[in-house]
PDB file of N, CA and C in Angstrom:
ATOM      1  N   MET A   1    -129.238  37.324 314.636  1.00  0.00           N
ATOM      2  CA  MET A   1    -130.659  37.202 314.851  1.00  0.00           C
ATOM      3  C   MET A   1    -131.063  35.738 314.647  1.00  0.00           C
ATOM      4  N   PRO A   2    -131.683  35.113 315.631  1.00  0.00           N
ATOM      5  CA  PRO A   2    -132.089  33.708 315.512  1.00  0.00           C
ATOM      6  C   PRO A   2    -133.226  33.537 314.504  1.00  0.00           C
ATOM      7  N   LEU A   3    -133.292  32.351 313.937  1.00  0.00           N
ATOM      8  CA  LEU A   3    -134.340  32.031 312.974  1.00  0.00           C
ATOM      9  C   LEU A   3    -135.654  31.767 313.690  1.00  0.00           C
ATOM     10  N   THR A   4    -136.766  32.140 313.035  1.00  0.00           N
ATOM     11  CA  THR A   4    -138.079  31.810 313.580  1.00  0.00           C
ATOM     12  C   THR A   4    -138.372  30.347 313.278  1.00  0.00           C
ATOM     13  N   GLY A   5    -139.437  29.829 313.806  1.00  0.00           N
ATOM     14  CA  GLY A   5    -139.809  28.437 313.563  1.00  0.00           C
ATOM     15  C   GLY A   5    -140.013  28.140 312.088  1.00  0.00           C
ATOM     16  N   ASP A   6    -140.704  29.049 311.374  1.00  0.00           N
ATOM     17  CA  ASP A   6    -140.938  28.860 309.938  1.00  0.00           C
ATOM     18  C   ASP A   6    -139.635  28.922 309.148  1.00  0.00           C
ATOM     19  N   GLN A   7    -138.778  29.880 309.483  1.00  0.00           N
ATOM     20  CA  GLN A   7    -137.497  30.007 308.790  1.00  0.00           C
ATOM     21  C   GLN A   7    -136.633  28.776 309.032  1.00  0.00           C
ATOM     22  N   ASN A   8    -136.649  28.302 310.243  1.00  0.00           N
ATOM     23  CA  ASN A   8    -135.869  27.121 310.593  1.00  0.00           C
ATOM     24  C   ASN A   8    -136.361  25.901 309.822  1.00  0.00           C
ATOM     25  N   ALA A   9    -137.669  25.754 309.701  1.00  0.00           N
ATOM     26  CA  ALA A   9    -138.245  24.628 308.966  1.00  0.00           C
ATOM     27  C   ALA A   9    -137.878  24.712 307.485  1.00  0.00           C
ATOM     28  N   ARG A  10    -137.966  25.910 306.895  1.00  0.00           N
ATOM     29  CA  ARG A  10    -137.586  26.078 305.488  1.00  0.00           C
ATOM     30  C   ARG A  10    -136.106  25.780 305.286  1.00  0.00           C
ATOM     31  N   HIS A  11    -135.281  26.232 306.209  1.00  0.00           N
ATOM     32  CA  HIS A  11    -133.838  25.979 306.133  1.00  0.00           C
ATOM     33  C   HIS A  11    -133.561  24.474 306.202  1.00  0.00           C
ATOM     34  N   ALA A  12    -134.232  23.778 307.085  1.00  0.00           N
ATOM     35  CA  ALA A  12    -134.043  22.335 307.232  1.00  0.00           C
ATOM     36  C   ALA A  12    -134.471  21.602 305.963  1.00  0.00           C
ATOM     37  N   LYS A  13    -135.603  21.990 305.376  1.00  0.00           N
ATOM     38  CA  LYS A  13    -136.070  21.354 304.144  1.00  0.00           C
ATOM     39  C   LYS A  13    -135.095  21.596 303.000  1.00  0.00           C
ATOM     40  N   SER A  14    -134.574  22.806 302.917  1.00  0.00           N
ATOM     41  CA  SER A  14    -133.611  23.145 301.871  1.00  0.00           C
ATOM     42  C   SER A  14    -132.338  22.316 302.035  1.00  0.00           C
ATOM     43  N   TRP A  15    -131.857  22.169 303.263  1.00  0.00           N
ATOM     44  CA  TRP A  15    -130.647  21.394 303.532  1.00  0.00           C
ATOM     45  C   TRP A  15    -130.858  19.929 303.151  1.00  0.00           C
ATOM     46  N   ILE A  16    -132.005  19.385 303.496  1.00  0.00           N
ATOM     47  CA  ILE A  16    -132.310  17.992 303.166  1.00  0.00           C
ATOM     48  C   ILE A  16    -132.377  17.813 301.650  1.00  0.00           C
ATOM     49  N   ALA A  17    -133.004  18.758 300.944  1.00  0.00           N
ATOM     50  CA  ALA A  17    -133.094  18.667 299.482  1.00  0.00           C
ATOM     51  C   ALA A  17    -131.711  18.702 298.855  1.00  0.00           C
ATOM     52  N   ARG A  18    -130.840  19.595 299.315  1.00  0.00           N
ATOM     53  CA  ARG A  18    -129.477  19.668 298.775  1.00  0.00           C
ATOM     54  C   ARG A  18    -128.716  18.394 299.075  1.00  0.00           C
ATOM     55  N   ARG A  19    -128.899  17.857 300.243  1.00  0.00           N
ATOM     56  CA  ARG A  19    -128.205  16.623 300.609  1.00  0.00           C
ATOM     57  C   ARG A  19    -128.665  15.468 299.717  1.00  0.00           C
ATOM     58  N   GLY A  20    -129.962  15.421 299.425  1.00  0.00           N
ATOM     59  CA  GLY A  20    -130.491  14.397 298.529  1.00  0.00           C
ATOM     60  C   GLY A  20    -129.878  14.493 297.150  1.00  0.00           C
ATOM     61  N   ILE A  21    -129.714  15.717 296.657  1.00  0.00           N
ATOM     62  CA  ILE A  21    -129.092  15.918 295.350  1.00  0.00           C
ATOM     63  C   ILE A  21    -127.650  15.436 295.380  1.00  0.00           C
ATOM     64  N   MET A  22    -126.940  15.723 296.469  1.00  0.00           N
ATOM     65  CA  MET A  22    -125.546  15.297 296.580  1.00  0.00           C
ATOM     66  C   MET A  22    -125.446  13.773 296.571  1.00  0.00           C
ATOM     67  N   ILE A  23    -126.329  13.127 297.290  1.00  0.00           N
ATOM     68  CA  ILE A  23    -126.312  11.662 297.333  1.00  0.00           C
ATOM     69  C   ILE A  23    -126.637  11.098 295.959  1.00  0.00           C
ATOM     70  N   ASP A  24    -127.603  11.705 295.245  1.00  0.00           N
ATOM     71  CA  ASP A  24    -127.929  11.262 293.886  1.00  0.00           C
ATOM     72  C   ASP A  24    -126.722  11.389 292.970  1.00  0.00           C
ATOM     73  N   ARG A  25    -125.991  12.476 293.095  1.00  0.00           N
ATOM     74  CA  ARG A  25    -124.805  12.680 292.255  1.00  0.00           C
ATOM     75  C   ARG A  25    -123.729  11.659 292.573  1.00  0.00           C
ATOM     76  N   LEU A  26    -123.515  11.410 293.842  1.00  0.00           N
ATOM     77  CA  LEU A  26    -122.512  10.409 294.222  1.00  0.00           C
ATOM     78  C   LEU A  26    -122.900   9.029 293.712  1.00  0.00           C
ATOM     79  N   ASP A  27    -124.175   8.707 293.806  1.00  0.00           N
ATOM     80  CA  ASP A  27    -124.661   7.419 293.308  1.00  0.00           C
ATOM     81  C   ASP A  27    -124.490   7.332 291.792  1.00  0.00           C
ATOM     82  N   SER A  28    -124.788   8.417 291.099  1.00  0.00           N
ATOM     83  CA  SER A  28    -124.617   8.439 289.645  1.00  0.00           C
ATOM     84  C   SER A  28    -123.161   8.245 289.259  1.00  0.00           C
ATOM     85  N   MET A  29    -122.261   8.879 289.998  1.00  0.00           N
ATOM     86  CA  MET A  29    -120.834   8.714 289.715  1.00  0.00           C
ATOM     87  C   MET A  29    -120.401   7.270 289.959  1.00  0.00           C
ATOM     88  N   ARG A  30    -120.947   6.659 291.002  1.00  0.00           N
ATOM     89  CA  ARG A  30    -120.608   5.262 291.302  1.00  0.00           C
ATOM     90  C   ARG A  30    -121.066   4.345 290.165  1.00  0.00           C
ATOM     91  N   VAL A  31    -122.263   4.586 289.644  1.00  0.00           N
ATOM     92  CA  VAL A  31    -122.764   3.796 288.517  1.00  0.00           C
ATOM     93  C   VAL A  31    -121.876   4.014 287.296  1.00  0.00           C
ATOM     94  N   PHE A  32    -121.509   5.252 287.017  1.00  0.00           N
ATOM     95  CA  PHE A  32    -120.676   5.569 285.864  1.00  0.00           C
ATOM     96  C   PHE A  32    -119.320   4.867 285.950  1.00  0.00           C
ATOM     97  N   VAL A  33    -118.677   4.958 287.092  1.00  0.00           N
ATOM     98  CA  VAL A  33    -117.355   4.328 287.262  1.00  0.00           C
ATOM     99  C   VAL A  33    -117.475   2.808 287.154  1.00  0.00           C
ATOM    100  N   THR A  34    -118.513   2.246 287.728  1.00  0.00           N
ATOM    101  CA  THR A  34    -118.721   0.802 287.633  1.00  0.00           C
ATOM    102  C   THR A  34    -118.952   0.389 286.185  1.00  0.00           C
ATOM    103  N   ALA A  35    -119.702   1.189 285.435  1.00  0.00           N
ATOM    104  CA  ALA A  35    -119.931   0.884 284.016  1.00  0.00           C
ATOM    105  C   ALA A  35    -118.617   0.912 283.247  1.00  0.00           C
ATOM    106  N   LEU A  36    -117.764   1.877 283.544  1.00  0.00           N
ATOM    107  CA  LEU A  36    -116.448   1.910 282.899  1.00  0.00           C
ATOM    108  C   LEU A  36    -115.635   0.666 283.240  1.00  0.00           C
ATOM    109  N   ASN A  37    -115.637   0.313 284.496  1.00  0.00           N
ATOM    110  CA  ASN A  37    -114.857  -0.856 284.935  1.00  0.00           C
ATOM    111  C   ASN A  37    -115.406  -2.164 284.378  1.00  0.00           C
ATOM    112  N   GLU A  38    -116.722  -2.260 284.290  1.00  0.00           N
ATOM    113  CA  GLU A  38    -117.363  -3.496 283.833  1.00  0.00           C
ATOM    114  C   GLU A  38    -117.487  -3.572 282.314  1.00  0.00           C
ATOM    115  N   GLY A  39    -117.391  -2.434 281.651  1.00  0.00           N
ATOM    116  CA  GLY A  39    -117.469  -2.420 280.198  1.00  0.00           C
ATOM    117  C   GLY A  39    -118.850  -2.194 279.627  1.00  0.00           C
ATOM    118  N   SER A  40    -119.884  -2.184 280.461  1.00  0.00           N
ATOM    119  CA  SER A  40    -121.239  -1.909 279.965  1.00  0.00           C
ATOM    120  C   SER A  40    -122.143  -1.539 281.131  1.00  0.00           C
ATOM    121  N   LEU A  41    -123.223  -0.847 280.790  1.00  0.00           N
ATOM    122  CA  LEU A  41    -124.207  -0.495 281.821  1.00  0.00           C
ATOM    123  C   LEU A  41    -124.928  -1.731 282.345  1.00  0.00           C
ATOM    124  N   ALA A  42    -125.164  -2.706 281.469  1.00  0.00           N
ATOM    125  CA  ALA A  42    -125.859  -3.922 281.890  1.00  0.00           C
ATOM    126  C   ALA A  42    -125.044  -4.666 282.949  1.00  0.00           C
ATOM    127  N   ARG A  43    -123.746  -4.801 282.715  1.00  0.00           N
ATOM    128  CA  ARG A  43    -122.904  -5.488 283.711  1.00  0.00           C
ATOM    129  C   ARG A  43    -122.752  -4.651 284.978  1.00  0.00           C
ATOM    130  N   ALA A  44    -122.738  -3.339 284.818  1.00  0.00           N
ATOM    131  CA  ALA A  44    -122.688  -2.469 286.003  1.00  0.00           C
ATOM    132  C   ALA A  44    -123.944  -2.668 286.849  1.00  0.00           C
ATOM    133  N   ALA A  45    -125.091  -2.761 286.188  1.00  0.00           N
ATOM    134  CA  ALA A  45    -126.340  -2.986 286.915  1.00  0.00           C
ATOM    135  C   ALA A  45    -126.308  -4.316 287.660  1.00  0.00           C
ATOM    136  N   GLN A  46    -125.765  -5.340 287.016  1.00  0.00           N
ATOM    137  CA  GLN A  46    -125.637  -6.642 287.685  1.00  0.00           C
ATOM    138  C   GLN A  46    -124.704  -6.538 288.884  1.00  0.00           C
ATOM    139  N   ARG A  47    -123.574  -5.875 288.700  1.00  0.00           N
ATOM    140  CA  ARG A  47    -122.582  -5.725 289.776  1.00  0.00           C
ATOM    141  C   ARG A  47    -123.180  -4.968 290.958  1.00  0.00           C
ATOM    142  N   LEU A  48    -123.962  -3.917 290.656  1.00  0.00           N
ATOM    143  CA  LEU A  48    -124.546  -3.089 291.701  1.00  0.00           C
ATOM    144  C   LEU A  48    -125.902  -3.614 292.191  1.00  0.00           C
ATOM    145  N   ARG A  49    -126.315  -4.752 291.602  1.00  0.00           N
ATOM    146  CA  ARG A  49    -127.591  -5.373 291.976  1.00  0.00           C
ATOM    147  C   ARG A  49    -128.759  -4.406 291.812  1.00  0.00           C
ATOM    148  N   ARG A  50    -128.828  -3.821 290.613  1.00  0.00           N
ATOM    149  CA  ARG A  50    -129.897  -2.878 290.273  1.00  0.00           C
ATOM    150  C   ARG A  50    -130.802  -3.501 289.245  1.00  0.00           C
ATOM    151  N   SER A  51    -132.063  -3.134 289.278  1.00  0.00           N
ATOM    152  CA  SER A  51    -132.987  -3.583 288.249  1.00  0.00           C
ATOM    153  C   SER A  51    -132.909  -2.624 287.067  1.00  0.00           C
ATOM    154  N   PRO A  52    -133.316  -3.058 285.877  1.00  0.00           N
ATOM    155  CA  PRO A  52    -133.239  -2.178 284.721  1.00  0.00           C
ATOM    156  C   PRO A  52    -134.372  -1.165 284.619  1.00  0.00           C
ATOM    157  N   ASP A  53    -135.098  -0.929 285.698  1.00  0.00           N
ATOM    158  CA  ASP A  53    -136.260  -0.024 285.674  1.00  0.00           C
ATOM    159  C   ASP A  53    -135.844   1.354 285.263  1.00  0.00           C
TER     160      ASP A  53
END
């Protein structure tokens, strides 16, 4: 049974939200690994060109 317009829109929003969470997790892992490699979060932030906000 095909999705209606409303169901399709909800499905698309849900997929985008999950994808955003996945990207956030990957980014967090990248920061964590960089902090391990650099020895501190401050140096990781410098390496990744992030502000301390």
